[in-house]
Protein backbone atom coordinates (compact mmCIF):
# COMPACT_ATOMS: atom_id res chain seq x y z
CA MET A 1 -5.14 -17.22 -31.75
CA PRO A 2 -2.17 -18.64 -33.70
CA SER A 3 0.96 -19.25 -31.78
CA ARG A 4 4.24 -17.51 -32.53
CA ARG A 5 5.68 -20.75 -33.90
CA SER A 6 2.87 -21.37 -36.41
CA SER A 7 2.97 -17.71 -37.44
CA SER A 8 6.67 -18.05 -38.22
CA LEU A 9 5.98 -21.22 -40.19
CA TRP A 10 3.31 -19.50 -42.30
CA GLN A 11 5.68 -16.63 -43.07
CA ARG A 12 8.38 -19.03 -44.25
CA ILE A 13 5.90 -20.94 -46.42
CA HIS A 14 4.58 -17.80 -48.09
CA HIS A 15 8.08 -16.47 -48.81
CA ASP A 16 9.33 -19.73 -50.35
CA GLU A 17 8.70 -19.63 -54.11
CA ARG A 18 10.33 -22.93 -55.08
CA GLY A 19 7.00 -24.71 -55.18
CA ALA A 20 5.47 -22.01 -57.35
CA VAL A 21 8.25 -22.36 -59.92
CA SER A 22 7.78 -26.13 -60.00
CA LEU A 23 4.04 -25.75 -60.39
CA GLU A 24 4.46 -23.25 -63.22
CA THR A 25 6.84 -25.63 -64.98
CA ILE A 26 4.37 -28.50 -64.66
CA LEU A 27 1.54 -26.37 -66.01
CA ILE A 28 3.62 -25.26 -69.01
CA ILE A 29 4.59 -28.86 -69.80
CA ALA A 30 0.94 -29.93 -69.50
CA ALA A 31 -0.19 -27.07 -71.75
CA ILE A 32 2.20 -28.35 -74.42
CA ALA A 33 1.71 -32.10 -73.91
CA ILE A 34 -2.10 -32.29 -73.73
CA PRO A 35 -2.79 -30.85 -77.22
CA ILE A 36 -0.08 -33.09 -78.68
CA LEU A 37 -1.62 -36.13 -76.99
CA ILE A 38 -5.11 -35.19 -78.22
CA PHE A 39 -3.79 -34.78 -81.78
CA ILE A 40 -2.02 -38.15 -81.67
CA LEU A 41 -5.09 -39.92 -80.30
CA LYS A 42 -7.46 -38.27 -82.79
CA PHE A 43 -5.45 -38.60 -85.99
CA GLY A 44 -2.69 -41.11 -85.32
CA TRP A 45 -4.52 -43.74 -83.29
CA PRO A 46 -6.21 -45.51 -86.26
CA LYS A 47 -2.82 -45.95 -87.94
CA ILE A 48 -1.18 -47.12 -84.73
CA ARG A 49 -4.05 -49.54 -84.02
CA ASP A 50 -3.91 -50.96 -87.57
CA TYR A 51 -0.13 -51.38 -87.32
CA PHE A 52 -0.39 -53.40 -84.09
CA ASN A 53 -3.40 -55.41 -85.30
CA THR A 54 -1.49 -56.39 -88.45
CA GLY A 55 1.51 -57.36 -86.35
CA MET A 56 -0.65 -59.48 -84.03
CA GLU A 57 -2.31 -61.22 -86.99
CA ASN A 58 1.10 -62.00 -88.52
CA LEU A 59 2.33 -63.31 -85.18
CA GLU A 60 -0.73 -65.54 -84.78
CA ASN A 61 -0.40 -66.88 -88.32
CA GLU A 62 3.29 -67.68 -87.87
CA GLY A 63 2.57 -69.27 -84.48
CA SER A 64 -0.06 -71.55 -85.97
CA LYS A 65 2.35 -72.53 -88.77
CA VAL A 66 4.97 -73.50 -86.19
CA GLN A 67 2.43 -75.56 -84.23
CA GLN A 68 1.43 -77.35 -87.43
CA GLY A 69 5.06 -77.98 -88.34
CA THR A 70 4.93 -76.00 -91.57
CA GLY A 71 7.00 -73.05 -90.36
CA ASN A 72 10.49 -72.27 -91.61
């Protein structure tokens, strides 16, 4: 049988709606962010990957020129 103290605690927890509002806000943000993230990964990722691969290749080429003493 629950004590009077724990019964009072449960009543306060069930009447406090601050957590529910926070949870609803998080779910709304997730419902907006997840489709955007999926779209970016599906359609934008090849372009992003190519951009960074090109940058890394340029960096490696310039680094090897500097090591060889032919850089500007």
